[in-house]
Every structure is written in structure tokens, then in C-alpha cells.
């Protein structure tokens, strides 16, 4: 990493960078889609906390939320959008740049 690169501010996506949203995005990056309960169990987030972060990710277009009924019970499916996948990959690359210049 050159001095010029070190002097320029890193533009880390603050939407993804928040720990709970990073967990959600990481889970969705490796699967096509997942239901709300699965994501809740994988991340350890509460119902309300997951719902709040899910809405934030949906509002910026990083995930798509589909609500349906299965046997008269609500069922919520989350999936990463194309722009969400691109944003996550860019986020990952930016973190790699951050750690690239560290000495062992």
C-alpha cells in the first residue's frame, strides 16, 4: 500500500459495517435465501432487533423481504439483491485493503 493510499480516507459502507447487519449480510451471502427464523437463530439477534436491521438493509436495497403464509402462519424470506451482493463484495475488498498494510 502506498503512502497515498494510506492518506486517503477509507469509504467503508457504514450500513453493512454495523455488527448485526454484517452478520445478516454474511449469512445471506452464502445462501440464495433464508427465512427470518433461520437468520434469527444464526445471528442470535432478537425478533425486534433483527426486524429493525432487516428493514434498514431493505430500505437501501441490499436485501429483499418476501412475506407469505404457510399453513395460515406468516413466513418471511430474506434474500440478498444484486446490489447487496455487490456492496458486500466491495465491503470485503475494502476490509482487505485495511488489513493489507499491517505488519505481522
N, C-alpha and C. Protein backbone atom coordinates (compact mmCIF):
# COMPACT_ATOMS: atom_id res chain seq x y z
N UNK A 1 0.85 -1.17 0.00
CA UNK A 1 0.00 0.00 0.00
C UNK A 1 0.89 1.24 0.00
N UNK A 2 0.66 2.14 -0.90
CA UNK A 2 1.47 3.34 -0.99
C UNK A 2 1.05 4.34 0.08
N UNK A 3 1.90 5.35 0.31
CA UNK A 3 1.56 6.40 1.26
C UNK A 3 0.29 7.13 0.84
N UNK A 4 0.14 7.30 -0.47
CA UNK A 4 -1.05 7.97 -0.99
C UNK A 4 -2.31 7.21 -0.60
N UNK A 5 -2.28 5.87 -0.73
CA UNK A 5 -3.43 5.05 -0.36
C UNK A 5 -3.72 5.16 1.13
N UNK A 6 -2.69 5.22 1.95
CA UNK A 6 -2.87 5.30 3.40
C UNK A 6 -3.45 6.64 3.81
N UNK A 7 -3.12 7.69 3.07
CA UNK A 7 -3.60 9.02 3.41
C UNK A 7 -5.04 9.26 2.98
N UNK A 8 -5.53 8.49 2.01
CA UNK A 8 -6.90 8.70 1.55
C UNK A 8 -7.87 8.03 2.51
N UNK A 9 -8.98 8.70 2.78
CA UNK A 9 -9.95 8.12 3.72
C UNK A 9 -10.59 6.86 3.13
N UNK A 10 -10.76 5.85 3.98
CA UNK A 10 -11.42 4.63 3.55
C UNK A 10 -12.93 4.86 3.59
N UNK A 11 -13.58 4.42 2.55
CA UNK A 11 -15.02 4.60 2.50
C UNK A 11 -15.70 3.26 2.75
N UNK A 12 -15.74 2.88 4.02
CA UNK A 12 -16.37 1.63 4.42
C UNK A 12 -17.88 1.87 4.49
N UNK A 13 -18.63 0.96 3.91
CA UNK A 13 -20.09 1.04 3.91
C UNK A 13 -20.60 0.90 5.35
N UNK A 14 -21.05 2.01 5.91
CA UNK A 14 -21.49 2.02 7.31
C UNK A 14 -22.79 1.23 7.53
N UNK A 15 -23.56 1.07 6.47
CA UNK A 15 -24.78 0.24 6.59
C UNK A 15 -24.38 -1.19 6.88
N UNK A 16 -23.45 -1.73 6.12
CA UNK A 16 -23.00 -3.11 6.31
C UNK A 16 -22.11 -3.23 7.53
N UNK A 17 -21.31 -2.22 7.82
CA UNK A 17 -20.29 -2.30 8.87
C UNK A 17 -20.87 -2.52 10.27
N UNK A 18 -22.10 -2.12 10.51
CA UNK A 18 -22.72 -2.32 11.82
C UNK A 18 -22.78 -3.83 12.09
N UNK A 19 -22.30 -4.31 13.25
CA UNK A 19 -22.14 -5.75 13.50
C UNK A 19 -23.37 -6.62 13.22
N UNK A 20 -24.55 -6.20 13.62
CA UNK A 20 -25.74 -7.03 13.38
C UNK A 20 -26.03 -7.14 11.89
N UNK A 21 -25.92 -6.02 11.17
CA UNK A 21 -26.18 -6.06 9.73
C UNK A 21 -25.10 -6.83 8.99
N UNK A 22 -23.87 -6.77 9.48
CA UNK A 22 -22.79 -7.55 8.89
C UNK A 22 -23.09 -9.05 9.04
N UNK A 23 -23.59 -9.45 10.19
CA UNK A 23 -23.96 -10.85 10.40
C UNK A 23 -25.06 -11.28 9.43
N UNK A 24 -26.07 -10.44 9.27
CA UNK A 24 -27.18 -10.75 8.36
C UNK A 24 -26.66 -10.88 6.93
N UNK A 25 -25.87 -9.91 6.50
CA UNK A 25 -25.34 -9.93 5.14
C UNK A 25 -24.43 -11.12 4.90
N UNK A 26 -23.63 -11.48 5.90
CA UNK A 26 -22.74 -12.63 5.77
C UNK A 26 -23.54 -13.91 5.59
N UNK A 27 -24.59 -14.07 6.36
CA UNK A 27 -25.44 -15.25 6.23
C UNK A 27 -26.09 -15.31 4.84
N UNK A 28 -26.62 -14.19 4.39
CA UNK A 28 -27.32 -14.17 3.10
C UNK A 28 -26.36 -14.28 1.91
N UNK A 29 -25.11 -13.92 2.11
CA UNK A 29 -24.13 -14.00 1.03
C UNK A 29 -23.90 -15.45 0.59
N UNK A 30 -24.00 -16.38 1.52
CA UNK A 30 -23.67 -17.78 1.22
C UNK A 30 -24.89 -18.65 0.88
N UNK A 31 -26.08 -18.09 0.96
CA UNK A 31 -27.30 -18.84 0.60
C UNK A 31 -28.12 -18.01 -0.38
N UNK A 32 -28.99 -18.67 -1.14
CA UNK A 32 -29.86 -17.92 -2.05
C UNK A 32 -30.91 -17.12 -1.28
N UNK A 33 -31.45 -17.75 -0.26
CA UNK A 33 -32.44 -17.09 0.58
C UNK A 33 -32.52 -17.82 1.91
N UNK A 34 -33.06 -17.14 2.91
CA UNK A 34 -33.20 -17.75 4.23
C UNK A 34 -34.43 -17.16 4.90
N UNK A 35 -35.07 -17.96 5.73
CA UNK A 35 -36.24 -17.40 6.42
C UNK A 35 -35.80 -16.67 7.69
N UNK A 36 -36.71 -15.86 8.17
CA UNK A 36 -36.46 -14.97 9.30
C UNK A 36 -35.96 -15.76 10.52
N UNK A 37 -36.61 -16.88 10.82
CA UNK A 37 -36.24 -17.68 12.00
C UNK A 37 -34.81 -18.21 11.87
N UNK A 38 -34.45 -18.68 10.68
CA UNK A 38 -33.09 -19.17 10.45
C UNK A 38 -32.07 -18.07 10.72
N UNK A 39 -32.29 -16.89 10.16
CA UNK A 39 -31.36 -15.78 10.34
C UNK A 39 -31.31 -15.38 11.82
N UNK A 40 -32.46 -15.36 12.47
CA UNK A 40 -32.51 -15.01 13.88
C UNK A 40 -31.67 -15.99 14.71
N UNK A 41 -31.80 -17.26 14.43
CA UNK A 41 -31.03 -18.27 15.17
C UNK A 41 -29.54 -18.20 14.85
N UNK A 42 -29.20 -17.97 13.61
CA UNK A 42 -27.79 -17.92 13.20
C UNK A 42 -27.06 -16.70 13.79
N UNK A 43 -27.77 -15.60 13.89
CA UNK A 43 -27.14 -14.36 14.35
C UNK A 43 -27.29 -14.14 15.85
N UNK A 44 -28.26 -14.77 16.47
CA UNK A 44 -28.50 -14.55 17.89
C UNK A 44 -29.23 -13.25 18.18
N UNK A 45 -29.74 -12.60 17.14
CA UNK A 45 -30.48 -11.35 17.32
C UNK A 45 -31.90 -11.64 17.82
N UNK A 46 -32.45 -10.69 18.56
CA UNK A 46 -33.84 -10.83 18.99
C UNK A 46 -34.77 -10.55 17.82
N UNK A 47 -36.03 -10.89 17.98
CA UNK A 47 -37.02 -10.69 16.95
C UNK A 47 -37.05 -9.22 16.50
N UNK A 48 -37.18 -8.32 17.47
CA UNK A 48 -37.28 -6.90 17.15
C UNK A 48 -36.00 -6.32 16.57
N UNK A 49 -34.86 -6.76 17.11
CA UNK A 49 -33.57 -6.26 16.62
C UNK A 49 -33.34 -6.70 15.18
N UNK A 50 -33.60 -7.97 14.88
CA UNK A 50 -33.45 -8.46 13.51
C UNK A 50 -34.39 -7.71 12.57
N UNK A 51 -35.62 -7.52 13.00
CA UNK A 51 -36.60 -6.83 12.18
C UNK A 51 -36.13 -5.41 11.85
N UNK A 52 -35.59 -4.72 12.83
CA UNK A 52 -35.11 -3.35 12.64
C UNK A 52 -33.95 -3.30 11.63
N UNK A 53 -32.97 -4.17 11.81
CA UNK A 53 -31.82 -4.19 10.90
C UNK A 53 -32.21 -4.68 9.51
N UNK A 54 -33.13 -5.61 9.45
CA UNK A 54 -33.63 -6.11 8.18
C UNK A 54 -34.28 -4.98 7.38
N UNK A 55 -35.06 -4.17 8.07
CA UNK A 55 -35.73 -3.03 7.43
C UNK A 55 -34.70 -2.04 6.88
N UNK A 56 -33.65 -1.77 7.66
CA UNK A 56 -32.60 -0.85 7.21
C UNK A 56 -31.93 -1.37 5.94
N UNK A 57 -31.62 -2.68 5.92
CA UNK A 57 -30.99 -3.28 4.73
C UNK A 57 -31.94 -3.28 3.54
N UNK A 58 -33.21 -3.49 3.80
CA UNK A 58 -34.21 -3.48 2.73
C UNK A 58 -34.38 -2.06 2.17
N UNK A 59 -34.37 -1.07 3.05
CA UNK A 59 -34.56 0.33 2.62
C UNK A 59 -33.46 0.80 1.66
N UNK A 60 -32.23 0.31 1.84
CA UNK A 60 -31.14 0.71 0.94
C UNK A 60 -31.02 -0.23 -0.26
N UNK A 61 -31.86 -1.25 -0.31
CA UNK A 61 -31.88 -2.14 -1.47
C UNK A 61 -30.88 -3.28 -1.42
N UNK A 62 -30.32 -3.58 -0.25
CA UNK A 62 -29.35 -4.66 -0.13
C UNK A 62 -30.00 -6.02 0.02
N UNK A 63 -31.20 -6.05 0.59
CA UNK A 63 -31.92 -7.32 0.69
C UNK A 63 -33.35 -7.13 0.22
N UNK A 64 -33.95 -8.24 -0.13
CA UNK A 64 -35.37 -8.26 -0.50
C UNK A 64 -36.08 -9.11 0.55
N UNK A 65 -37.22 -8.62 1.00
CA UNK A 65 -38.00 -9.33 2.00
C UNK A 65 -39.33 -9.73 1.37
N UNK A 66 -39.62 -11.02 1.44
CA UNK A 66 -40.87 -11.55 0.90
C UNK A 66 -41.68 -12.13 2.05
N UNK A 67 -42.91 -11.68 2.17
CA UNK A 67 -43.77 -12.19 3.23
C UNK A 67 -44.88 -13.00 2.59
N UNK A 68 -45.09 -14.18 3.16
CA UNK A 68 -46.12 -15.08 2.65
C UNK A 68 -46.72 -15.83 3.84
N UNK A 69 -47.67 -16.69 3.55
CA UNK A 69 -48.26 -17.52 4.60
C UNK A 69 -48.03 -18.98 4.26
N UNK A 70 -47.68 -19.75 5.29
CA UNK A 70 -47.57 -21.20 5.16
C UNK A 70 -48.46 -21.80 6.23
N UNK A 71 -49.49 -22.49 5.77
CA UNK A 71 -50.47 -23.08 6.68
C UNK A 71 -51.02 -22.02 7.64
N UNK A 72 -51.43 -20.90 7.10
CA UNK A 72 -52.02 -19.77 7.83
C UNK A 72 -51.08 -19.09 8.82
N UNK A 73 -49.80 -19.37 8.71
CA UNK A 73 -48.81 -18.72 9.57
C UNK A 73 -47.92 -17.83 8.72
N UNK A 74 -47.59 -16.62 9.21
CA UNK A 74 -46.72 -15.75 8.44
C UNK A 74 -45.32 -16.35 8.29
N UNK A 75 -44.75 -16.17 7.13
CA UNK A 75 -43.42 -16.70 6.83
C UNK A 75 -42.67 -15.62 6.06
N UNK A 76 -41.53 -15.20 6.59
CA UNK A 76 -40.74 -14.12 6.00
C UNK A 76 -39.44 -14.68 5.45
N UNK A 77 -39.20 -14.39 4.17
CA UNK A 77 -37.99 -14.85 3.49
C UNK A 77 -37.12 -13.65 3.17
N UNK A 78 -35.82 -13.77 3.44
CA UNK A 78 -34.86 -12.72 3.12
C UNK A 78 -33.92 -13.24 2.05
N UNK A 79 -33.59 -12.38 1.11
CA UNK A 79 -32.60 -12.72 0.09
C UNK A 79 -31.79 -11.48 -0.24
N UNK A 80 -30.54 -11.69 -0.62
CA UNK A 80 -29.66 -10.59 -0.97
C UNK A 80 -29.93 -10.19 -2.42
N UNK A 81 -30.04 -8.90 -2.65
CA UNK A 81 -30.24 -8.40 -4.01
C UNK A 81 -28.89 -8.35 -4.73
N UNK A 82 -28.95 -8.11 -6.02
CA UNK A 82 -27.72 -7.97 -6.80
C UNK A 82 -26.89 -6.80 -6.27
N UNK A 83 -27.54 -5.68 -5.98
CA UNK A 83 -26.80 -4.53 -5.46
C UNK A 83 -26.27 -4.81 -4.05
N UNK A 84 -26.98 -5.62 -3.28
CA UNK A 84 -26.50 -6.02 -1.96
C UNK A 84 -25.26 -6.89 -2.06
N UNK A 85 -25.26 -7.79 -3.03
CA UNK A 85 -24.11 -8.67 -3.25
C UNK A 85 -22.88 -7.84 -3.67
N UNK A 86 -23.09 -6.88 -4.55
CA UNK A 86 -22.00 -6.00 -5.00
C UNK A 86 -21.48 -5.18 -3.82
N UNK A 87 -22.39 -4.63 -3.02
CA UNK A 87 -21.99 -3.82 -1.86
C UNK A 87 -21.20 -4.66 -0.87
N UNK A 88 -21.64 -5.90 -0.64
CA UNK A 88 -20.94 -6.78 0.29
C UNK A 88 -19.55 -7.13 -0.22
N UNK A 89 -19.44 -7.41 -1.50
CA UNK A 89 -18.12 -7.71 -2.08
C UNK A 89 -17.20 -6.51 -2.01
N UNK A 90 -17.72 -5.31 -2.26
CA UNK A 90 -16.92 -4.09 -2.14
C UNK A 90 -16.49 -3.86 -0.69
N UNK A 91 -17.38 -4.14 0.24
CA UNK A 91 -17.08 -4.01 1.66
C UNK A 91 -15.94 -4.95 2.03
N UNK A 92 -16.03 -6.19 1.59
CA UNK A 92 -14.98 -7.19 1.87
C UNK A 92 -13.63 -6.74 1.30
N UNK A 93 -13.65 -6.23 0.08
CA UNK A 93 -12.40 -5.76 -0.55
C UNK A 93 -11.81 -4.58 0.21
N UNK A 94 -12.68 -3.70 0.69
CA UNK A 94 -12.21 -2.55 1.46
C UNK A 94 -11.55 -3.01 2.75
N UNK A 95 -12.13 -3.99 3.42
CA UNK A 95 -11.51 -4.50 4.65
C UNK A 95 -10.16 -5.15 4.35
N UNK A 96 -10.07 -5.83 3.23
CA UNK A 96 -8.79 -6.43 2.85
C UNK A 96 -7.74 -5.35 2.69
N UNK A 97 -8.11 -4.20 2.12
CA UNK A 97 -7.17 -3.09 1.97
C UNK A 97 -6.74 -2.56 3.33
N UNK A 98 -7.67 -2.52 4.27
CA UNK A 98 -7.37 -2.01 5.61
C UNK A 98 -6.28 -2.89 6.25
N UNK A 99 -6.43 -4.21 6.13
CA UNK A 99 -5.50 -5.11 6.79
C UNK A 99 -4.24 -5.40 5.98
N UNK A 100 -4.27 -5.04 4.71
CA UNK A 100 -3.14 -5.30 3.81
C UNK A 100 -1.83 -4.68 4.30
N UNK A 101 -1.89 -3.51 4.83
CA UNK A 101 -0.67 -2.80 5.22
C UNK A 101 -0.18 -3.10 6.62
N UNK A 102 -0.85 -3.95 7.36
CA UNK A 102 -0.41 -4.26 8.72
C UNK A 102 0.78 -5.18 8.72
N UNK A 103 1.68 -4.93 9.63
CA UNK A 103 2.85 -5.81 9.80
C UNK A 103 2.45 -7.01 10.63
N UNK A 104 3.11 -8.14 10.37
CA UNK A 104 2.84 -9.35 11.16
C UNK A 104 3.54 -9.31 12.47
